[in-house]
C-alpha atoms as a PDB file:
ATOM      1  CA  MET A   1     204.493 192.642 -68.389  1.00  0.00           C
ATOM      2  CA  LYS A   2     205.612 191.173 -71.693  1.00  0.00           C
ATOM      3  CA  VAL A   3     209.008 192.367 -72.855  1.00  0.00           C
ATOM      4  CA  LYS A   4     208.944 193.998 -76.262  1.00  0.00           C
ATOM      5  CA  THR A   5     211.112 192.255 -78.826  1.00  0.00           C
ATOM      6  CA  ILE A   6     212.629 193.889 -81.878  1.00  0.00           C
ATOM      7  CA  VAL A   7     214.037 191.490 -84.463  1.00  0.00           C
ATOM      8  CA  SER A   8     215.889 192.576 -87.571  1.00  0.00           C
ATOM      9  CA  ARG A   9     214.659 191.457 -90.987  1.00  0.00           C
ATOM     10  CA  THR A  10     217.714 189.197 -91.279  1.00  0.00           C
ATOM     11  CA  VAL A  11     216.946 187.411 -88.012  1.00  0.00           C
ATOM     12  CA  ALA A  12     213.253 187.144 -88.821  1.00  0.00           C
ATOM     13  CA  ALA A  13     214.006 185.552 -92.186  1.00  0.00           C
ATOM     14  CA  CYS A  14     216.363 183.037 -90.606  1.00  0.00           C
ATOM     15  CA  LEU A  15     213.851 182.183 -87.891  1.00  0.00           C
ATOM     16  CA  ALA A  16     211.150 181.642 -90.463  1.00  0.00           C
ATOM     17  CA  ALA A  17     213.439 179.289 -92.317  1.00  0.00           C
ATOM     18  CA  GLY A  18     214.331 177.460 -89.133  1.00  0.00           C
ATOM     19  CA  ALA A  19     218.004 177.900 -89.941  1.00  0.00           C
ATOM     20  CA  LEU A  20     219.407 180.740 -87.881  1.00  0.00           C
ATOM     21  CA  ALA A  21     222.719 178.926 -87.556  1.00  0.00           C
ATOM     22  CA  SER A  22     223.269 179.220 -91.299  1.00  0.00           C
ATOM     23  CA  CYS A  23     223.120 183.005 -90.950  1.00  0.00           C
ATOM     24  CA  GLY A  24     226.341 182.920 -88.949  1.00  0.00           C
ATOM     25  CA  GLY A  25     225.033 183.494 -85.418  1.00  0.00           C
ATOM     26  CA  ASN A  26     227.093 181.495 -82.933  1.00  0.00           C
ATOM     27  CA  ALA A  27     224.783 181.912 -79.934  1.00  0.00           C
ATOM     28  CA  ALA A  28     221.740 181.609 -82.115  1.00  0.00           C
ATOM     29  CA  SER A  29     223.012 178.357 -83.631  1.00  0.00           C
ATOM     30  CA  GLN A  30     221.488 176.673 -80.582  1.00  0.00           C
ATOM     31  CA  GLN A  31     218.019 177.345 -81.974  1.00  0.00           C
ATOM     32  CA  GLY A  32     216.020 174.121 -82.218  1.00  0.00           C
ATOM     33  CA  LYS A  33     218.478 172.024 -80.198  1.00  0.00           C
ATOM     34  CA  THR A  34     217.561 170.005 -77.157  1.00  0.00           C
ATOM     35  CA  GLU A  35     217.367 171.173 -73.545  1.00  0.00           C
ATOM     36  CA  GLY A  36     220.743 171.601 -71.912  1.00  0.00           C
ATOM     37  CA  GLU A  37     222.622 172.829 -74.969  1.00  0.00           C
ATOM     38  CA  GLU A  38     225.625 175.029 -74.268  1.00  0.00           C
ATOM     39  CA  ILE A  39     225.580 178.777 -74.876  1.00  0.00           C
ATOM     40  CA  PHE A  40     227.848 180.144 -77.604  1.00  0.00           C
ATOM     41  CA  PHE A  41     228.351 183.781 -76.678  1.00  0.00           C
ATOM     42  CA  ALA A  42     231.855 185.104 -77.336  1.00  0.00           C
ATOM     43  CA  ASP A  43     233.033 188.243 -75.476  1.00  0.00           C
ATOM     44  CA  PRO A  44     230.260 187.620 -72.923  1.00  0.00           C
ATOM     45  CA  THR A  45     229.065 189.930 -70.173  1.00  0.00           C
ATOM     46  CA  VAL A  46     226.728 189.326 -67.226  1.00  0.00           C
ATOM     47  CA  TYR A  47     224.577 192.002 -65.583  1.00  0.00           C
ATOM     48  CA  VAL A  48     222.936 191.333 -62.197  1.00  0.00           C
ATOM     49  CA  GLU A  49     219.652 192.874 -61.062  1.00  0.00           C
ATOM     50  CA  ASN A  50     216.613 191.986 -58.922  1.00  0.00           C
ATOM     51  CA  GLY A  51     217.753 188.477 -58.092  1.00  0.00           C
ATOM     52  CA  LYS A  52     218.552 187.505 -61.672  1.00  0.00           C
ATOM     53  CA  TYR A  53     221.545 187.283 -63.976  1.00  0.00           C
ATOM     54  CA  TYR A  54     221.351 188.630 -67.536  1.00  0.00           C
ATOM     55  CA  MET A  55     223.874 187.612 -70.181  1.00  0.00           C
ATOM     56  CA  THR A  56     224.654 188.839 -73.674  1.00  0.00           C
ATOM     57  CA  GLY A  57     227.684 188.701 -75.951  1.00  0.00           C
ATOM     58  CA  THR A  58     229.088 188.510 -79.457  1.00  0.00           C
ATOM     59  CA  MET A  59     227.210 186.227 -81.815  1.00  0.00           C
ATOM     60  CA  GLY A  60     230.099 185.793 -84.251  1.00  0.00           C
ATOM     61  CA  TYR A  61     231.400 187.069 -87.573  1.00  0.00           C
ATOM     62  CA  GLY A  62     228.665 187.402 -90.163  1.00  0.00           C
ATOM     63  CA  SER A  63     225.999 187.228 -87.455  1.00  0.00           C
ATOM     64  CA  PRO A  64     222.622 188.953 -87.479  1.00  0.00           C
ATOM     65  CA  LYS A  65     222.945 192.594 -86.493  1.00  0.00           C
ATOM     66  CA  VAL A  66     221.704 192.163 -82.937  1.00  0.00           C
ATOM     67  CA  PHE A  67     222.696 191.353 -79.390  1.00  0.00           C
ATOM     68  CA  THR A  68     220.514 188.783 -77.673  1.00  0.00           C
ATOM     69  CA  LEU A  69     219.697 188.512 -73.969  1.00  0.00           C
ATOM     70  CA  LEU A  70     219.341 185.494 -71.690  1.00  0.00           C
ATOM     71  CA  GLU A  71     218.394 185.345 -68.009  1.00  0.00           C
ATOM     72  CA  SER A  72     219.131 182.972 -65.119  1.00  0.00           C
ATOM     73  CA  THR A  73     218.789 182.650 -61.362  1.00  0.00           C
ATOM     74  CA  ASP A  74     221.672 180.201 -60.837  1.00  0.00           C
ATOM     75  CA  LEU A  75     224.247 180.880 -63.641  1.00  0.00           C
ATOM     76  CA  GLU A  76     223.824 177.332 -64.913  1.00  0.00           C
ATOM     77  CA  HIS A  77     220.334 177.293 -66.441  1.00  0.00           C
ATOM     78  CA  TRP A  78     219.395 180.101 -68.846  1.00  0.00           C
ATOM     79  CA  THR A  79     216.239 181.138 -70.686  1.00  0.00           C
ATOM     80  CA  SER A  80     215.038 184.116 -72.711  1.00  0.00           C
ATOM     81  CA  PRO A  81     212.936 186.912 -71.134  1.00  0.00           C
ATOM     82  CA  ASP A  82     210.562 186.185 -74.023  1.00  0.00           C
ATOM     83  CA  GLY A  83     210.145 182.507 -73.175  1.00  0.00           C
ATOM     84  CA  ASP A  84     210.724 180.523 -76.360  1.00  0.00           C
ATOM     85  CA  LYS A  85     212.107 183.363 -78.521  1.00  0.00           C
ATOM     86  CA  TRP A  86     215.459 185.092 -78.698  1.00  0.00           C
ATOM     87  CA  HIS A  87     215.227 188.504 -77.055  1.00  0.00           C
ATOM     88  CA  THR A  88     217.118 191.225 -78.909  1.00  0.00           C
ATOM     89  CA  LEU A  89     218.440 194.447 -77.396  1.00  0.00           C
ATOM     90  CA  ILE A  90     218.828 196.788 -80.383  1.00  0.00           C
ATOM     91  CA  ASN A  91     217.189 197.588 -83.707  1.00  0.00           C
ATOM     92  CA  THR A  92     219.858 198.523 -86.214  1.00  0.00           C
ATOM     93  CA  ASP A  93     217.420 199.444 -88.996  1.00  0.00           C
ATOM     94  CA  SER A  94     217.220 203.077 -87.869  1.00  0.00           C
ATOM     95  CA  THR A  95     217.796 203.723 -84.168  1.00  0.00           C
ATOM     96  CA  THR A  96     221.326 202.532 -83.391  1.00  0.00           C
ATOM     97  CA  PHE A  97     224.715 202.739 -85.032  1.00  0.00           C
ATOM     98  CA  GLY A  98     226.168 199.886 -87.048  1.00  0.00           C
ATOM     99  CA  THR A  99     225.736 197.646 -90.061  1.00  0.00           C
ATOM    100  CA  ASP A 100     228.268 194.880 -89.389  1.00  0.00           C
ATOM    101  CA  MET A 101     230.694 193.314 -86.892  1.00  0.00           C
ATOM    102  CA  PHE A 102     228.674 193.579 -83.681  1.00  0.00           C
ATOM    103  CA  TRP A 103     230.978 192.650 -80.793  1.00  0.00           C
ATOM    104  CA  ALA A 104     231.662 192.923 -77.083  1.00  0.00           C
ATOM    105  CA  PRO A 105     228.586 194.479 -75.426  1.00  0.00           C
ATOM    106  CA  GLN A 106     228.401 195.872 -71.876  1.00  0.00           C
ATOM    107  CA  ILE A 107     225.204 196.731 -69.976  1.00  0.00           C
ATOM    108  CA  PHE A 108     225.629 199.736 -67.692  1.00  0.00           C
ATOM    109  CA  LYS A 109     223.055 201.373 -65.399  1.00  0.00           C
ATOM    110  CA  ASP A 110     223.260 204.942 -64.138  1.00  0.00           C
ATOM    111  CA  GLY A 111     220.712 207.487 -62.937  1.00  0.00           C
ATOM    112  CA  GLY A 112     217.757 205.212 -63.582  1.00  0.00           C
ATOM    113  CA  LYS A 113     218.743 204.662 -67.215  1.00  0.00           C
ATOM    114  CA  TYR A 114     220.235 201.555 -68.823  1.00  0.00           C
ATOM    115  CA  TYR A 115     223.023 201.874 -71.353  1.00  0.00           C
ATOM    116  CA  LEU A 116     224.529 199.496 -73.877  1.00  0.00           C
ATOM    117  CA  ALA A 117     228.163 199.978 -74.878  1.00  0.00           C
ATOM    118  CA  TYR A 118     229.124 197.880 -77.882  1.00  0.00           C
ATOM    119  CA  THR A 119     231.243 197.595 -81.009  1.00  0.00           C
ATOM    120  CA  ALA A 120     229.948 197.808 -84.590  1.00  0.00           C
ATOM    121  CA  ASN A 121     231.826 198.520 -87.819  1.00  0.00           C
ATOM    122  CA  GLU A 122     235.036 198.564 -85.718  1.00  0.00           C
ATOM    123  CA  GLN A 123     233.710 201.568 -83.774  1.00  0.00           C
ATOM    124  CA  THR A 124     232.453 201.801 -80.210  1.00  0.00           C
ATOM    125  CA  ALA A 125     228.847 202.910 -79.712  1.00  0.00           C
ATOM    126  CA  TRP A 126     226.582 203.939 -76.831  1.00  0.00           C
ATOM    127  CA  ALA A 127     222.794 203.476 -76.693  1.00  0.00           C
ATOM    128  CA  VAL A 128     220.210 204.059 -73.955  1.00  0.00           C
ATOM    129  CA  SER A 129     216.984 202.477 -72.733  1.00  0.00           C
ATOM    130  CA  ASP A 130     214.429 202.938 -69.959  1.00  0.00           C
ATOM    131  CA  SER A 131     214.494 199.184 -69.290  1.00  0.00           C
ATOM    132  CA  LEU A 132     217.125 196.495 -69.033  1.00  0.00           C
ATOM    133  CA  ALA A 133     215.506 194.513 -71.820  1.00  0.00           C
ATOM    134  CA  GLY A 134     215.649 197.445 -74.241  1.00  0.00           C
ATOM    135  CA  PRO A 135     215.201 198.443 -76.942  1.00  0.00           C
ATOM    136  CA  TYR A 136     218.409 200.496 -76.713  1.00  0.00           C
ATOM    137  CA  VAL A 137     218.373 203.533 -78.999  1.00  0.00           C
ATOM    138  CA  GLN A 138     220.387 206.644 -79.840  1.00  0.00           C
ATOM    139  CA  SER A 139     219.004 210.165 -80.150  1.00  0.00           C
ATOM    140  CA  GLU A 140     221.675 210.659 -82.817  1.00  0.00           C
ATOM    141  CA  VAL A 141     222.858 207.561 -84.645  1.00  0.00           C
ATOM    142  CA  LYS A 142     226.644 207.729 -84.399  1.00  0.00           C
ATOM    143  CA  PRO A 143     229.732 206.033 -82.922  1.00  0.00           C
ATOM    144  CA  ILE A 144     231.369 207.295 -79.733  1.00  0.00           C
ATOM    145  CA  ASP A 145     234.497 208.472 -81.560  1.00  0.00           C
ATOM    146  CA  GLY A 146     234.432 208.291 -85.340  1.00  0.00           C
ATOM    147  CA  SER A 147     237.897 209.808 -85.773  1.00  0.00           C
ATOM    148  CA  GLU A 148     239.524 206.362 -85.932  1.00  0.00           C
ATOM    149  CA  LYS A 149     238.758 202.713 -85.346  1.00  0.00           C
ATOM    150  CA  ASN A 150     238.211 201.669 -81.730  1.00  0.00           C
ATOM    151  CA  ILE A 151     236.577 198.554 -80.261  1.00  0.00           C
ATOM    152  CA  ASP A 152     235.759 196.665 -77.025  1.00  0.00           C
ATOM    153  CA  PRO A 153     234.245 199.425 -74.856  1.00  0.00           C
ATOM    154  CA  PHE A 154     234.009 199.250 -71.071  1.00  0.00           C
ATOM    155  CA  VAL A 155     232.539 202.143 -69.089  1.00  0.00           C
ATOM    156  CA  PHE A 156     233.666 202.666 -65.488  1.00  0.00           C
ATOM    157  CA  LYS A 157     232.238 205.155 -62.976  1.00  0.00           C
ATOM    158  CA  ASP A 158     234.636 206.235 -60.230  1.00  0.00           C
ATOM    159  CA  ASP A 159     233.688 207.177 -56.684  1.00  0.00           C
ATOM    160  CA  ASP A 160     233.965 210.889 -57.530  1.00  0.00           C
ATOM    161  CA  GLY A 161     231.313 210.595 -60.231  1.00  0.00           C
ATOM    162  CA  LYS A 162     233.684 210.735 -63.210  1.00  0.00           C
ATOM    163  CA  TYR A 163     233.208 208.262 -66.044  1.00  0.00           C
ATOM    164  CA  TYR A 164     235.917 206.594 -68.100  1.00  0.00           C
ATOM    165  CA  LEU A 165     235.778 204.680 -71.366  1.00  0.00           C
ATOM    166  CA  TYR A 166     238.324 201.882 -71.645  1.00  0.00           C
ATOM    167  CA  HIS A 167     238.650 200.514 -75.149  1.00  0.00           C
ATOM    168  CA  VAL A 168     241.014 199.232 -77.843  1.00  0.00           C
ATOM    169  CA  ARG A 169     242.762 201.262 -80.542  1.00  0.00           C
ATOM    170  CA  PHE A 170     244.897 199.957 -83.380  1.00  0.00           C
ATOM    171  CA  ASN A 171     248.561 200.611 -84.129  1.00  0.00           C
ATOM    172  CA  HIS A 172     250.145 197.512 -85.673  1.00  0.00           C
ATOM    173  CA  GLY A 173     248.303 195.617 -82.986  1.00  0.00           C
ATOM    174  CA  ASN A 174     245.547 196.123 -80.417  1.00  0.00           C
ATOM    175  CA  TYR A 175     246.266 198.351 -77.418  1.00  0.00           C
ATOM    176  CA  LEU A 176     244.167 199.450 -74.454  1.00  0.00           C
ATOM    177  CA  TRP A 177     243.304 203.128 -74.076  1.00  0.00           C
ATOM    178  CA  VAL A 178     241.263 205.207 -71.639  1.00  0.00           C
ATOM    179  CA  ALA A 179     239.523 208.576 -71.865  1.00  0.00           C
ATOM    180  CA  GLU A 180     237.089 210.561 -69.760  1.00  0.00           C
ATOM    181  CA  PHE A 181     233.557 209.851 -70.934  1.00  0.00           C
ATOM    182  CA  ASP A 182     230.246 211.742 -70.960  1.00  0.00           C
ATOM    183  CA  VAL A 183     227.365 209.285 -70.539  1.00  0.00           C
ATOM    184  CA  ASN A 184     224.777 211.899 -71.585  1.00  0.00           C
ATOM    185  CA  THR A 185     226.321 212.722 -74.949  1.00  0.00           C
ATOM    186  CA  GLY A 186     228.012 209.358 -75.501  1.00  0.00           C
ATOM    187  CA  SER A 187     231.334 211.032 -76.279  1.00  0.00           C
ATOM    188  CA  ILE A 188     234.876 211.089 -74.936  1.00  0.00           C
ATOM    189  CA  ASN A 189     237.053 214.057 -74.067  1.00  0.00           C
ATOM    190  CA  PRO A 190     239.817 213.578 -76.674  1.00  0.00           C
ATOM    191  CA  GLU A 191     242.239 215.662 -74.623  1.00  0.00           C
ATOM    192  CA  THR A 192     242.208 212.951 -71.957  1.00  0.00           C
ATOM    193  CA  LEU A 193     242.990 210.014 -74.275  1.00  0.00           C
ATOM    194  CA  LYS A 194     245.823 207.917 -72.875  1.00  0.00           C
ATOM    195  CA  GLN A 195     247.260 204.510 -73.708  1.00  0.00           C
ATOM    196  CA  CYS A 196     247.141 202.177 -70.713  1.00  0.00           C
ATOM    197  CA  LEU A 197     249.643 199.424 -71.528  1.00  0.00           C
ATOM    198  CA  GLU A 198     252.391 198.313 -73.886  1.00  0.00           C
ATOM    199  CA  TYR A 199     253.095 194.717 -74.800  1.00  0.00           C
ATOM    200  CA  SER A 200     255.891 193.461 -72.533  1.00  0.00           C
ATOM    201  CA  GLU A 201     255.181 190.020 -71.039  1.00  0.00           C
ATOM    202  CA  PRO A 202     255.868 186.650 -72.717  1.00  0.00           C
ATOM    203  CA  TRP A 203     252.349 185.361 -72.002  1.00  0.00           C
ATOM    204  CA  GLU A 204     250.871 188.298 -73.944  1.00  0.00           C
ATOM    205  CA  LYS A 205     252.287 187.143 -77.284  1.00  0.00           C
ATOM    206  CA  THR A 206     252.982 183.449 -77.834  1.00  0.00           C
ATOM    207  CA  ASP A 207     252.279 183.212 -81.568  1.00  0.00           C
ATOM    208  CA  ASN A 208     255.873 183.413 -82.852  1.00  0.00           C
ATOM    209  CA  GLY A 209     255.195 186.457 -85.009  1.00  0.00           C
ATOM    210  CA  VAL A 210     251.994 185.292 -86.673  1.00  0.00           C
ATOM    211  CA  TRP A 211     250.002 188.246 -85.275  1.00  0.00           C
ATOM    212  CA  ASP A 212     250.815 191.704 -84.021  1.00  0.00           C
ATOM    213  CA  PRO A 213     250.584 192.231 -80.241  1.00  0.00           C
ATOM    214  CA  ILE A 214     247.003 192.180 -79.026  1.00  0.00           C
ATOM    215  CA  MET A 215     245.508 193.425 -75.752  1.00  0.00           C
ATOM    216  CA  GLU A 216     241.730 193.699 -75.571  1.00  0.00           C
ATOM    217  CA  GLY A 217     238.530 192.971 -73.651  1.00  0.00           C
ATOM    218  CA  PRO A 218     239.054 195.378 -70.716  1.00  0.00           C
ATOM    219  CA  THR A 219     237.180 195.324 -67.415  1.00  0.00           C
ATOM    220  CA  VAL A 220     238.036 197.762 -64.604  1.00  0.00           C
ATOM    221  CA  ILE A 221     237.156 197.546 -60.920  1.00  0.00           C
ATOM    222  CA  LYS A 222     238.222 199.504 -57.863  1.00  0.00           C
ATOM    223  CA  LYS A 223     239.032 197.544 -54.733  1.00  0.00           C
ATOM    224  CA  ASP A 224     240.343 199.057 -51.479  1.00  0.00           C
ATOM    225  CA  GLY A 225     241.539 202.170 -53.298  1.00  0.00           C
ATOM    226  CA  THR A 226     243.398 200.313 -56.070  1.00  0.00           C
ATOM    227  CA  TYR A 227     242.232 200.077 -59.676  1.00  0.00           C
ATOM    228  CA  TYR A 228     242.375 196.677 -61.382  1.00  0.00           C
ATOM    229  CA  LEU A 229     242.475 196.519 -65.181  1.00  0.00           C
ATOM    230  CA  ILE A 230     241.606 193.012 -66.344  1.00  0.00           C
ATOM    231  CA  TYR A 231     242.375 192.302 -69.987  1.00  0.00           C
ATOM    232  CA  SER A 232     242.972 189.565 -72.549  1.00  0.00           C
ATOM    233  CA  ALA A 233     246.075 189.118 -74.671  1.00  0.00           C
ATOM    234  CA  ASN A 234     247.081 187.192 -77.816  1.00  0.00           C
ATOM    235  CA  HIS A 235     244.892 186.847 -80.894  1.00  0.00           C
ATOM    236  CA  PHE A 236     241.553 185.202 -80.081  1.00  0.00           C
ATOM    237  CA  GLU A 237     242.357 182.356 -82.483  1.00  0.00           C
ATOM    238  CA  ASN A 238     245.547 181.584 -80.568  1.00  0.00           C
ATOM    239  CA  PRO A 239     245.113 178.665 -78.120  1.00  0.00           C
ATOM    240  CA  ASP A 240     247.093 180.787 -75.617  1.00  0.00           C
ATOM    241  CA  TYR A 241     244.503 183.589 -75.588  1.00  0.00           C
ATOM    242  CA  ALA A 242     244.420 184.387 -71.869  1.00  0.00           C
ATOM    243  CA  VAL A 243     243.422 186.862 -69.140  1.00  0.00           C
ATOM    244  CA  GLY A 244     245.711 188.873 -66.889  1.00  0.00           C
ATOM    245  CA  TYR A 245     245.593 192.135 -64.993  1.00  0.00           C
ATOM    246  CA  ALA A 246     247.393 195.310 -64.029  1.00  0.00           C
ATOM    247  CA  THR A 247     246.881 197.696 -61.118  1.00  0.00           C
ATOM    248  CA  ALA A 248     247.118 201.459 -60.659  1.00  0.00           C
ATOM    249  CA  PRO A 249     246.565 204.189 -58.060  1.00  0.00           C
ATOM    250  CA  SER A 250     244.225 206.074 -60.426  1.00  0.00           C
ATOM    251  CA  PRO A 251     241.796 205.174 -63.238  1.00  0.00           C
ATOM    252  CA  VAL A 252     244.276 206.469 -65.840  1.00  0.00           C
ATOM    253  CA  GLY A 253     247.358 204.731 -64.453  1.00  0.00           C
ATOM    254  CA  PRO A 254     250.245 204.337 -64.323  1.00  0.00           C
ATOM    255  CA  TRP A 255     249.519 200.614 -64.611  1.00  0.00           C
ATOM    256  CA  THR A 256     251.717 197.886 -63.153  1.00  0.00           C
ATOM    257  CA  LYS A 257     251.257 194.420 -64.600  1.00  0.00           C
ATOM    258  CA  HIS A 258     250.695 191.758 -61.980  1.00  0.00           C
ATOM    259  CA  PRO A 259     253.259 188.928 -61.882  1.00  0.00           C
ATOM    260  CA  GLY A 260     250.455 186.427 -61.283  1.00  0.00           C
ATOM    261  CA  SER A 261     249.149 186.939 -64.811  1.00  0.00           C
ATOM    262  CA  PRO A 262     247.595 185.224 -66.565  1.00  0.00           C
ATOM    263  CA  PHE A 263     245.046 183.923 -64.081  1.00  0.00           C
ATOM    264  CA  ILE A 264     242.903 182.414 -66.848  1.00  0.00           C
ATOM    265  CA  HIS A 265     244.741 180.370 -69.490  1.00  0.00           C
ATOM    266  CA  ARG A 266     244.314 176.971 -71.112  1.00  0.00           C
ATOM    267  CA  SER A 267     246.887 175.549 -68.679  1.00  0.00           C
ATOM    268  CA  ILE A 268     244.679 176.773 -65.801  1.00  0.00           C
ATOM    269  CA  VAL A 269     241.079 176.283 -66.982  1.00  0.00           C
ATOM    270  CA  GLY A 270     241.753 173.359 -69.312  1.00  0.00           C
ATOM    271  CA  GLU A 271     240.348 174.767 -72.576  1.00  0.00           C
ATOM    272  CA  ASN A 272     241.968 176.632 -75.465  1.00  0.00           C
ATOM    273  CA  GLY A 273     241.372 180.294 -76.266  1.00  0.00           C
ATOM    274  CA  SER A 274     240.117 181.232 -72.807  1.00  0.00           C
ATOM    275  CA  GLY A 275     239.478 184.954 -72.490  1.00  0.00           C
ATOM    276  CA  HIS A 276     237.643 188.213 -73.253  1.00  0.00           C
ATOM    277  CA  GLY A 277     234.890 188.364 -70.695  1.00  0.00           C
ATOM    278  CA  ASP A 278     233.669 190.438 -67.786  1.00  0.00           C
ATOM    279  CA  LEU A 279     233.729 190.491 -64.014  1.00  0.00           C
ATOM    280  CA  PHE A 280     230.515 190.487 -61.963  1.00  0.00           C
ATOM    281  CA  ALA A 281     229.332 190.037 -58.379  1.00  0.00           C
ATOM    282  CA  GLY A 282     227.190 186.960 -57.866  1.00  0.00           C
ATOM    283  CA  LEU A 283     223.985 186.739 -55.864  1.00  0.00           C
ATOM    284  CA  ASP A 284     225.888 184.433 -53.508  1.00  0.00           C
ATOM    285  CA  GLY A 285     228.446 187.136 -52.693  1.00  0.00           C
ATOM    286  CA  LYS A 286     231.178 185.574 -54.822  1.00  0.00           C
ATOM    287  CA  THR A 287     233.006 187.317 -57.660  1.00  0.00           C
ATOM    288  CA  TYR A 288     232.803 185.641 -61.068  1.00  0.00           C
ATOM    289  CA  TYR A 289     234.421 186.035 -64.477  1.00  0.00           C
ATOM    290  CA  VAL A 290     232.430 185.103 -67.592  1.00  0.00           C
ATOM    291  CA  TYR A 291     234.531 184.362 -70.677  1.00  0.00           C
ATOM    292  CA  HIS A 292     234.675 182.324 -73.868  1.00  0.00           C
ATOM    293  CA  VAL A 293     236.767 179.367 -74.981  1.00  0.00           C
ATOM    294  CA  HIS A 294     237.422 177.729 -78.328  1.00  0.00           C
ATOM    295  CA  ASN A 295     234.850 175.277 -79.602  1.00  0.00           C
ATOM    296  CA  SER A 296     237.354 172.422 -79.347  1.00  0.00           C
ATOM    297  CA  ALA A 297     241.057 171.671 -79.488  1.00  0.00           C
ATOM    298  CA  GLU A 298     240.810 171.664 -83.291  1.00  0.00           C
ATOM    299  CA  GLN A 299     238.230 174.381 -83.950  1.00  0.00           C
ATOM    300  CA  VAL A 300     237.896 178.002 -82.797  1.00  0.00           C
ATOM    301  CA  ALA A 301     234.240 178.817 -83.573  1.00  0.00           C
ATOM    302  CA  PRO A 302     231.545 178.859 -82.456  1.00  0.00           C
ATOM    303  CA  ARG A 303     233.144 179.830 -79.172  1.00  0.00           C
ATOM    304  CA  ARG A 304     231.665 178.417 -75.971  1.00  0.00           C
ATOM    305  CA  THR A 305     230.751 180.398 -72.849  1.00  0.00           C
ATOM    306  CA  ARG A 306     232.191 179.655 -69.414  1.00  0.00           C
ATOM    307  CA  ILE A 307     231.865 181.173 -65.925  1.00  0.00           C
ATOM    308  CA  VAL A 308     234.454 180.764 -63.176  1.00  0.00           C
ATOM    309  CA  PRO A 309     234.480 181.993 -59.553  1.00  0.00           C
ATOM    310  CA  LEU A 310     237.445 184.185 -58.658  1.00  0.00           C
ATOM    311  CA  GLN A 311     239.390 184.392 -55.411  1.00  0.00           C
ATOM    312  CA  PHE A 312     240.908 187.723 -54.331  1.00  0.00           C
ATOM    313  CA  VAL A 313     243.703 187.041 -51.848  1.00  0.00           C
ATOM    314  CA  MET A 314     245.441 190.041 -50.269  1.00  0.00           C
ATOM    315  CA  ASN A 315     249.217 189.930 -50.628  1.00  0.00           C
ATOM    316  CA  ASP A 316     250.468 191.607 -47.457  1.00  0.00           C
ATOM    317  CA  SER A 317     253.874 192.327 -48.981  1.00  0.00           C
ATOM    318  CA  THR A 318     252.461 194.272 -51.951  1.00  0.00           C
ATOM    319  CA  GLY A 319     249.111 195.494 -50.649  1.00  0.00           C
ATOM    320  CA  ILE A 320     247.574 194.177 -53.891  1.00  0.00           C
ATOM    321  CA  TYR A 321     245.082 191.360 -54.299  1.00  0.00           C
ATOM    322  CA  ASP A 322     246.293 188.248 -56.078  1.00  0.00           C
ATOM    323  CA  ILE A 323     243.493 187.018 -58.346  1.00  0.00           C
ATOM    324  CA  LYS A 324     243.062 183.278 -58.809  1.00  0.00           C
ATOM    325  CA  ALA A 325     240.462 181.271 -60.726  1.00  0.00           C
ATOM    326  CA  ASP A 326     238.567 178.626 -58.754  1.00  0.00           C
ATOM    327  CA  THR A 327     238.909 176.010 -61.472  1.00  0.00           C
ATOM    328  CA  ALA A 328     237.240 173.299 -59.404  1.00  0.00           C
ATOM    329  CA  ASN A 329     233.934 175.149 -59.831  1.00  0.00           C
ATOM    330  CA  ILE A 330     233.839 176.257 -63.478  1.00  0.00           C
ATOM    331  CA  ILE A 331     230.252 176.627 -64.682  1.00  0.00           C
ATOM    332  CA  ILE A 332     229.108 175.618 -68.177  1.00  0.00           C
ATOM    333  CA  PRO A 333     225.968 177.737 -68.767  1.00  0.00           C
ATOM    334  CA  ARG A 334     223.237 175.973 -70.729  1.00  0.00           C
ATOM    335  CA  LEU A 335     219.859 176.736 -72.223  1.00  0.00           C
ATOM    336  CA  GLN A 336     217.106 175.421 -69.997  1.00  0.00           C
ATOM    337  CA  THR A 337     214.713 175.065 -72.939  1.00  0.00           C
ATOM    338  CA  PRO A 338     215.275 175.216 -76.699  1.00  0.00           C
ATOM    339  CA  LEU A 339     214.648 178.642 -78.180  1.00  0.00           C
ATOM    340  CA  LYS A 340     212.649 179.046 -81.362  1.00  0.00           C
END
């Protein structure tokens, strides 16, 4: 069955002109390039279903108002579900929230429905679809919590059936927060809002006062009864942008930062600005982290996408897993065919 594609007027105009890159889309700047070109999703996420991987992410500042989807069977070679066209997940003309600054998507499945958590206009949003490929829509076009700015959503479902929204709020910096979440209404319980972490570790702020403290890009998993909060720290333009983690006995904390952080950093993976991604289970049984890096040692954007296997090694003295990146097997995902 052919997957329905919805393309905004901005994207359509750029495609017709053959110059989507000039419209500011980092991932879409690969349009028209040769086979094997790298993928330029920032803040990437990978969803796994029916023997395939599906990836989406941020297309950059000033980008078309969409999230695009790619698929793969091996994490290395990627195509579009639509063959030679970019597949888009949302239509922002009328059915989903947002006019600008589309960042940090997450695909979430529950009860036979697919959901897309994302950022737009510096607000988190929540849309639903009957299919993975979308289109994702809202019955009421609105952000999750319009009372103040909040970005980088990640929805986690605990074993008891409760849902939690991890996200970023601003207060002279970016800080991670959590609140109980209702997937049906797309809203939080404001009485349960709680800040997860404070800035405290040297690796979390290496910019010598250029930027306020920044913690963002959360992913949460539960492993052997312990909750792991994986997050990025430093400003994304900082070469020391990196990924660390904290653990807790409950989904709301209290969180203890792991001394092995960061486990992804330029000194570990060999590229600047390495961070803000998502954890996923591979078809081979391995655990992976997808993330972005700077374009080069001299240039931040467009940011490049990377995937690295992770090793979880139980520390018998702490009862906590030490997370390490398998840097000998970093994957550079590439387009299998040029997209038009």
